[in-house]
Amino acid sequence: MALTLKARKRLSLLILVVGLPVYIVVCVTVVNWLWPDPQARPPLGAELAIYVGLGVLWAFPLKWVFKGVGQGE
């Protein structure tokens, strides 16, 4: 079942306003769970790679929702 453009716009707004902040909290919680001691943080490169990887990872399953949303009717 294909969603209409209007439905995809609403769904994308919901994802960005509600889903993305929840995903950010989950990612930070997971990284803090992996390194519980704030004094023993992972190396800067590893931490950057983790956050960049998680930052890109959320978009791939939702690419179909955002595709063409910025275009007009």
PDB file of N, CA and C in Angstrom:
ATOM      1  N   MET A   1       0.853  -1.178   0.000  1.00  0.00           N
ATOM      2  CA  MET A   1       0.000   0.000   0.000  1.00  0.00           C
ATOM      3  C   MET A   1       0.895   1.236   0.000  1.00  0.00           C
ATOM      4  N   ALA A   2       0.724   2.060  -1.013  1.00  0.00           N
ATOM      5  CA  ALA A   2       1.524   3.275  -1.127  1.00  0.00           C
ATOM      6  C   ALA A   2       0.828   4.413  -0.387  1.00  0.00           C
ATOM      7  N   LEU A   3       1.617   5.180   0.310  1.00  0.00           N
ATOM      8  CA  LEU A   3       1.078   6.327   1.024  1.00  0.00           C
ATOM      9  C   LEU A   3       0.987   7.524   0.084  1.00  0.00           C
ATOM     10  N   THR A   4      -0.001   8.350   0.299  1.00  0.00           N
ATOM     11  CA  THR A   4      -0.108   9.570  -0.489  1.00  0.00           C
ATOM     12  C   THR A   4       0.979  10.541  -0.029  1.00  0.00           C
ATOM     13  N   LEU A   5       1.206  11.566  -0.830  1.00  0.00           N
ATOM     14  CA  LEU A   5       2.214  12.560  -0.495  1.00  0.00           C
ATOM     15  C   LEU A   5       1.868  13.253   0.821  1.00  0.00           C
ATOM     16  N   LYS A   6       0.604  13.546   1.018  1.00  0.00           N
ATOM     17  CA  LYS A   6       0.170  14.211   2.250  1.00  0.00           C
ATOM     18  C   LYS A   6       0.424  13.326   3.463  1.00  0.00           C
ATOM     19  N   ALA A   7       0.167  12.039   3.335  1.00  0.00           N
ATOM     20  CA  ALA A   7       0.383  11.107   4.441  1.00  0.00           C
ATOM     21  C   ALA A   7       1.872  10.952   4.729  1.00  0.00           C
ATOM     22  N   ARG A   8       2.697  10.911   3.668  1.00  0.00           N
ATOM     23  CA  ARG A   8       4.140  10.803   3.883  1.00  0.00           C
ATOM     24  C   ARG A   8       4.698  12.062   4.527  1.00  0.00           C
ATOM     25  N   LYS A   9       4.159  13.231   4.184  1.00  0.00           N
ATOM     26  CA  LYS A   9       4.596  14.477   4.826  1.00  0.00           C
ATOM     27  C   LYS A   9       4.277  14.463   6.312  1.00  0.00           C
ATOM     28  N   ARG A  10       3.086  14.020   6.655  1.00  0.00           N
ATOM     29  CA  ARG A  10       2.703  13.952   8.062  1.00  0.00           C
ATOM     30  C   ARG A  10       3.535  12.927   8.821  1.00  0.00           C
ATOM     31  N   LEU A  11       3.763  11.776   8.187  1.00  0.00           N
ATOM     32  CA  LEU A  11       4.567  10.738   8.818  1.00  0.00           C
ATOM     33  C   LEU A  11       6.013  11.195   8.998  1.00  0.00           C
ATOM     34  N   SER A  12       6.566  11.881   8.013  1.00  0.00           N
ATOM     35  CA  SER A  12       7.935  12.367   8.133  1.00  0.00           C
ATOM     36  C   SER A  12       8.049  13.424   9.235  1.00  0.00           C
ATOM     37  N   LEU A  13       7.054  14.269   9.366  1.00  0.00           N
ATOM     38  CA  LEU A  13       7.058  15.258  10.444  1.00  0.00           C
ATOM     39  C   LEU A  13       6.985  14.574  11.805  1.00  0.00           C
ATOM     40  N   LEU A  14       6.149  13.557  11.925  1.00  0.00           N
ATOM     41  CA  LEU A  14       6.053  12.800  13.164  1.00  0.00           C
ATOM     42  C   LEU A  14       7.381  12.120  13.498  1.00  0.00           C
ATOM     43  N   ILE A  15       8.013  11.551  12.496  1.00  0.00           N
ATOM     44  CA  ILE A  15       9.302  10.890  12.710  1.00  0.00           C
ATOM     45  C   ILE A  15      10.341  11.891  13.182  1.00  0.00           C
ATOM     46  N   LEU A  16      10.389  13.066  12.558  1.00  0.00           N
ATOM     47  CA  LEU A  16      11.409  14.050  12.908  1.00  0.00           C
ATOM     48  C   LEU A  16      11.153  14.703  14.263  1.00  0.00           C
ATOM     49  N   VAL A  17       9.895  14.906  14.623  1.00  0.00           N
ATOM     50  CA  VAL A  17       9.578  15.605  15.867  1.00  0.00           C
ATOM     51  C   VAL A  17       9.567  14.659  17.069  1.00  0.00           C
ATOM     52  N   VAL A  18       9.096  13.445  16.885  1.00  0.00           N
ATOM     53  CA  VAL A  18       8.979  12.510  18.006  1.00  0.00           C
ATOM     54  C   VAL A  18      10.046  11.409  17.928  1.00  0.00           C
ATOM     55  N   GLY A  19      10.160  10.785  16.786  1.00  0.00           N
ATOM     56  CA  GLY A  19      11.038   9.625  16.655  1.00  0.00           C
ATOM     57  C   GLY A  19      12.513   9.933  16.758  1.00  0.00           C
ATOM     58  N   LEU A  20      12.958  11.004  16.141  1.00  0.00           N
ATOM     59  CA  LEU A  20      14.383  11.326  16.151  1.00  0.00           C
ATOM     60  C   LEU A  20      14.898  11.674  17.550  1.00  0.00           C
ATOM     61  N   PRO A  21      14.201  12.493  18.343  1.00  0.00           N
ATOM     62  CA  PRO A  21      14.683  12.710  19.720  1.00  0.00           C
ATOM     63  C   PRO A  21      14.714  11.430  20.561  1.00  0.00           C
ATOM     64  N   VAL A  22      13.742  10.558  20.370  1.00  0.00           N
ATOM     65  CA  VAL A  22      13.744   9.284  21.091  1.00  0.00           C
ATOM     66  C   VAL A  22      14.945   8.447  20.656  1.00  0.00           C
ATOM     67  N   TYR A  23      15.237   8.434  19.360  1.00  0.00           N
ATOM     68  CA  TYR A  23      16.381   7.689  18.842  1.00  0.00           C
ATOM     69  C   TYR A  23      17.693   8.252  19.398  1.00  0.00           C
ATOM     70  N   ILE A  24      17.803   9.562  19.516  1.00  0.00           N
ATOM     71  CA  ILE A  24      19.008  10.188  20.061  1.00  0.00           C
ATOM     72  C   ILE A  24      19.207   9.769  21.513  1.00  0.00           C
ATOM     73  N   VAL A  25      18.147   9.780  22.294  1.00  0.00           N
ATOM     74  CA  VAL A  25      18.245   9.361  23.697  1.00  0.00           C
ATOM     75  C   VAL A  25      18.663   7.895  23.783  1.00  0.00           C
ATOM     76  N   VAL A  26      18.119   7.059  22.933  1.00  0.00           N
ATOM     77  CA  VAL A  26      18.486   5.635  22.934  1.00  0.00           C
ATOM     78  C   VAL A  26      19.958   5.468  22.571  1.00  0.00           C
ATOM     79  N   CYS A  27      20.443   6.196  21.569  1.00  0.00           N
ATOM     80  CA  CYS A  27      21.847   6.086  21.158  1.00  0.00           C
ATOM     81  C   CYS A  27      22.790   6.532  22.269  1.00  0.00           C
ATOM     82  N   VAL A  28      22.493   7.638  22.914  1.00  0.00           N
ATOM     83  CA  VAL A  28      23.344   8.114  24.002  1.00  0.00           C
ATOM     84  C   VAL A  28      23.307   7.137  25.171  1.00  0.00           C
ATOM     85  N   THR A  29      22.159   6.567  25.450  1.00  0.00           N
ATOM     86  CA  THR A  29      22.038   5.586  26.522  1.00  0.00           C
ATOM     87  C   THR A  29      22.858   4.338  26.219  1.00  0.00           C
ATOM     88  N   VAL A  30      22.816   3.883  24.981  1.00  0.00           N
ATOM     89  CA  VAL A  30      23.592   2.695  24.595  1.00  0.00           C
ATOM     90  C   VAL A  30      25.089   2.972  24.709  1.00  0.00           C
ATOM     91  N   VAL A  31      25.538   4.121  24.245  1.00  0.00           N
ATOM     92  CA  VAL A  31      26.965   4.456  24.339  1.00  0.00           C
ATOM     93  C   VAL A  31      27.375   4.597  25.800  1.00  0.00           C
ATOM     94  N   ASN A  32      26.534   5.198  26.630  1.00  0.00           N
ATOM     95  CA  ASN A  32      26.841   5.303  28.058  1.00  0.00           C
ATOM     96  C   ASN A  32      26.814   3.948  28.750  1.00  0.00           C
ATOM     97  N   TRP A  33      25.991   3.042  28.253  1.00  0.00           N
ATOM     98  CA  TRP A  33      25.945   1.690  28.802  1.00  0.00           C
ATOM     99  C   TRP A  33      27.226   0.932  28.452  1.00  0.00           C
ATOM    100  N   LEU A  34      27.755   1.166  27.247  1.00  0.00           N
ATOM    101  CA  LEU A  34      28.988   0.493  26.837  1.00  0.00           C
ATOM    102  C   LEU A  34      30.195   1.010  27.606  1.00  0.00           C
ATOM    103  N   TRP A  35      30.199   2.307  27.933  1.00  0.00           N
ATOM    104  CA  TRP A  35      31.285   2.922  28.695  1.00  0.00           C
ATOM    105  C   TRP A  35      30.675   3.633  29.901  1.00  0.00           C
ATOM    106  N   PRO A  36      30.378   2.893  30.986  1.00  0.00           N
ATOM    107  CA  PRO A  36      29.661   3.500  32.114  1.00  0.00           C
ATOM    108  C   PRO A  36      30.475   4.509  32.906  1.00  0.00           C
ATOM    109  N   ASP A  37      31.811   4.393  32.908  1.00  0.00           N
ATOM    110  CA  ASP A  37      32.649   5.304  33.679  1.00  0.00           C
ATOM    111  C   ASP A  37      32.950   6.543  32.840  1.00  0.00           C
ATOM    112  N   PRO A  38      32.499   7.735  33.254  1.00  0.00           N
ATOM    113  CA  PRO A  38      32.742   8.935  32.447  1.00  0.00           C
ATOM    114  C   PRO A  38      34.224   9.261  32.307  1.00  0.00           C
ATOM    115  N   GLN A  39      35.061   8.781  33.236  1.00  0.00           N
ATOM    116  CA  GLN A  39      36.496   9.022  33.138  1.00  0.00           C
ATOM    117  C   GLN A  39      37.143   8.123  32.093  1.00  0.00           C
ATOM    118  N   ALA A  40      36.512   7.011  31.761  1.00  0.00           N
ATOM    119  CA  ALA A  40      37.067   6.048  30.804  1.00  0.00           C
ATOM    120  C   ALA A  40      36.297   6.097  29.496  1.00  0.00           C
ATOM    121  N   ARG A  41      36.175   7.259  28.926  1.00  0.00           N
ATOM    122  CA  ARG A  41      35.471   7.393  27.644  1.00  0.00           C
ATOM    123  C   ARG A  41      36.249   6.695  26.546  1.00  0.00           C
ATOM    124  N   PRO A  42      35.565   6.286  25.495  1.00  0.00           N
ATOM    125  CA  PRO A  42      36.288   5.673  24.379  1.00  0.00           C
ATOM    126  C   PRO A  42      37.155   6.734  23.690  1.00  0.00           C
ATOM    127  N   PRO A  43      38.117   6.304  22.902  1.00  0.00           N
ATOM    128  CA  PRO A  43      38.914   7.284  22.161  1.00  0.00           C
ATOM    129  C   PRO A  43      38.018   8.168  21.290  1.00  0.00           C
ATOM    130  N   LEU A  44      38.457   9.393  21.062  1.00  0.00           N
ATOM    131  CA  LEU A  44      37.638  10.363  20.344  1.00  0.00           C
ATOM    132  C   LEU A  44      37.237   9.857  18.964  1.00  0.00           C
ATOM    133  N   GLY A  45      38.151   9.231  18.259  1.00  0.00           N
ATOM    134  CA  GLY A  45      37.838   8.701  16.928  1.00  0.00           C
ATOM    135  C   GLY A  45      36.779   7.622  16.967  1.00  0.00           C
ATOM    136  N   ALA A  46      36.876   6.749  17.956  1.00  0.00           N
ATOM    137  CA  ALA A  46      35.886   5.673  18.084  1.00  0.00           C
ATOM    138  C   ALA A  46      34.517   6.232  18.449  1.00  0.00           C
ATOM    139  N   GLU A  47      34.505   7.196  19.368  1.00  0.00           N
ATOM    140  CA  GLU A  47      33.229   7.803  19.758  1.00  0.00           C
ATOM    141  C   GLU A  47      32.598   8.547  18.591  1.00  0.00           C
ATOM    142  N   LEU A  48      33.413   9.262  17.833  1.00  0.00           N
ATOM    143  CA  LEU A  48      32.916   9.967  16.653  1.00  0.00           C
ATOM    144  C   LEU A  48      32.362   8.989  15.630  1.00  0.00           C
ATOM    145  N   ALA A  49      33.080   7.890  15.405  1.00  0.00           N
ATOM    146  CA  ALA A  49      32.613   6.883  14.444  1.00  0.00           C
ATOM    147  C   ALA A  49      31.291   6.260  14.887  1.00  0.00           C
ATOM    148  N   ILE A  50      31.142   6.018  16.186  1.00  0.00           N
ATOM    149  CA  ILE A  50      29.893   5.440  16.701  1.00  0.00           C
ATOM    150  C   ILE A  50      28.733   6.390  16.456  1.00  0.00           C
ATOM    151  N   TYR A  51      28.916   7.662  16.817  1.00  0.00           N
ATOM    152  CA  TYR A  51      27.818   8.615  16.666  1.00  0.00           C
ATOM    153  C   TYR A  51      27.508   8.926  15.201  1.00  0.00           C
ATOM    154  N   VAL A  52      28.521   8.997  14.359  1.00  0.00           N
ATOM    155  CA  VAL A  52      28.273   9.228  12.924  1.00  0.00           C
ATOM    156  C   VAL A  52      27.569   8.013  12.326  1.00  0.00           C
ATOM    157  N   GLY A  53      28.018   6.817  12.699  1.00  0.00           N
ATOM    158  CA  GLY A  53      27.364   5.602  12.203  1.00  0.00           C
ATOM    159  C   GLY A  53      25.918   5.513  12.633  1.00  0.00           C
ATOM    160  N   LEU A  54      25.650   5.796  13.905  1.00  0.00           N
ATOM    161  CA  LEU A  54      24.265   5.774  14.390  1.00  0.00           C
ATOM    162  C   LEU A  54      23.440   6.909  13.786  1.00  0.00           C
ATOM    163  N   GLY A  55      24.101   8.030  13.491  1.00  0.00           N
ATOM    164  CA  GLY A  55      23.397   9.156  12.878  1.00  0.00           C
ATOM    165  C   GLY A  55      22.962   8.877  11.460  1.00  0.00           C
ATOM    166  N   VAL A  56      23.717   8.072  10.747  1.00  0.00           N
ATOM    167  CA  VAL A  56      23.361   7.705   9.377  1.00  0.00           C
ATOM    168  C   VAL A  56      22.414   6.509   9.371  1.00  0.00           C
ATOM    169  N   LEU A  57      22.577   5.630  10.345  1.00  0.00           N
ATOM    170  CA  LEU A  57      21.811   4.385  10.387  1.00  0.00           C
ATOM    171  C   LEU A  57      20.299   4.594  10.464  1.00  0.00           C
ATOM    172  N   TRP A  58      19.839   5.632  11.149  1.00  0.00           N
ATOM    173  CA  TRP A  58      18.398   5.821  11.324  1.00  0.00           C
ATOM    174  C   TRP A  58      17.704   6.167  10.002  1.00  0.00           C
ATOM    175  N   ALA A  59      18.438   6.758   9.070  1.00  0.00           N
ATOM    176  CA  ALA A  59      17.810   7.250   7.842  1.00  0.00           C
ATOM    177  C   ALA A  59      17.553   6.143   6.820  1.00  0.00           C
ATOM    178  N   PHE A  60      18.357   5.103   6.802  1.00  0.00           N
ATOM    179  CA  PHE A  60      18.203   4.081   5.765  1.00  0.00           C
ATOM    180  C   PHE A  60      16.861   3.363   5.788  1.00  0.00           C
ATOM    181  N   PRO A  61      16.363   2.899   6.926  1.00  0.00           N
ATOM    182  CA  PRO A  61      15.058   2.236   6.888  1.00  0.00           C
ATOM    183  C   PRO A  61      13.897   3.196   6.599  1.00  0.00           C
ATOM    184  N   LEU A  62      14.110   4.488   6.812  1.00  0.00           N
ATOM    185  CA  LEU A  62      13.030   5.460   6.629  1.00  0.00           C
ATOM    186  C   LEU A  62      13.170   6.263   5.340  1.00  0.00           C
ATOM    187  N   LYS A  63      14.070   5.859   4.471  1.00  0.00           N
ATOM    188  CA  LYS A  63      14.315   6.597   3.237  1.00  0.00           C
ATOM    189  C   LYS A  63      13.049   6.690   2.380  1.00  0.00           C
ATOM    190  N   TRP A  64      12.246   5.657   2.379  1.00  0.00           N
ATOM    191  CA  TRP A  64      11.028   5.651   1.555  1.00  0.00           C
ATOM    192  C   TRP A  64      10.022   6.699   2.018  1.00  0.00           C
ATOM    193  N   VAL A  65      10.051   7.045   3.302  1.00  0.00           N
ATOM    194  CA  VAL A  65       9.112   8.047   3.818  1.00  0.00           C
ATOM    195  C   VAL A  65       9.519   9.435   3.350  1.00  0.00           C
ATOM    196  N   PHE A  66      10.816   9.728   3.395  1.00  0.00           N
ATOM    197  CA  PHE A  66      11.300  11.070   3.093  1.00  0.00           C
ATOM    198  C   PHE A  66      11.490  11.322   1.602  1.00  0.00           C
ATOM    199  N   LYS A  67      11.476  10.297   0.785  1.00  0.00           N
ATOM    200  CA  LYS A  67      11.728  10.452  -0.644  1.00  0.00           C
ATOM    201  C   LYS A  67      10.594  11.228  -1.312  1.00  0.00           C
ATOM    202  N   GLY A  68      10.931  12.377  -1.878  1.00  0.00           N
ATOM    203  CA  GLY A  68       9.968  13.191  -2.605  1.00  0.00           C
ATOM    204  C   GLY A  68       9.091  14.065  -1.748  1.00  0.00           C
ATOM    205  N   VAL A  69       9.307  14.114  -0.444  1.00  0.00           N
ATOM    206  CA  VAL A  69       8.448  14.909   0.440  1.00  0.00           C
ATOM    207  C   VAL A  69       8.656  16.399   0.193  1.00  0.00           C
ATOM    208  N   GLY A  70       9.856  16.811  -0.145  1.00  0.00           N
ATOM    209  CA  GLY A  70      10.138  18.229  -0.354  1.00  0.00           C
ATOM    210  C   GLY A  70       9.626  18.758  -1.691  1.00  0.00           C
ATOM    211  N   GLN A  71       9.193  17.885  -2.567  1.00  0.00           N
ATOM    212  CA  GLN A  71       8.680  18.324  -3.862  1.00  0.00           C
ATOM    213  C   GLN A  71       7.217  18.712  -3.764  1.00  0.00           C
ATOM    214  N   GLY A  72       6.778  19.473  -4.720  1.00  0.00           N
ATOM    215  CA  GLY A  72       5.370  19.890  -4.737  1.00  0.00           C
ATOM    216  C   GLY A  72       4.454  18.781  -5.193  1.00  0.00           C
ATOM    217  N   GLU A  73       3.183  19.068  -5.171  1.00  0.00           N
ATOM    218  CA  GLU A  73       2.166  18.092  -5.599  1.00  0.00           C
ATOM    219  C   GLU A  73       2.417  17.805  -7.043  1.00  0.00           C
TER     220      GLU A  73
END
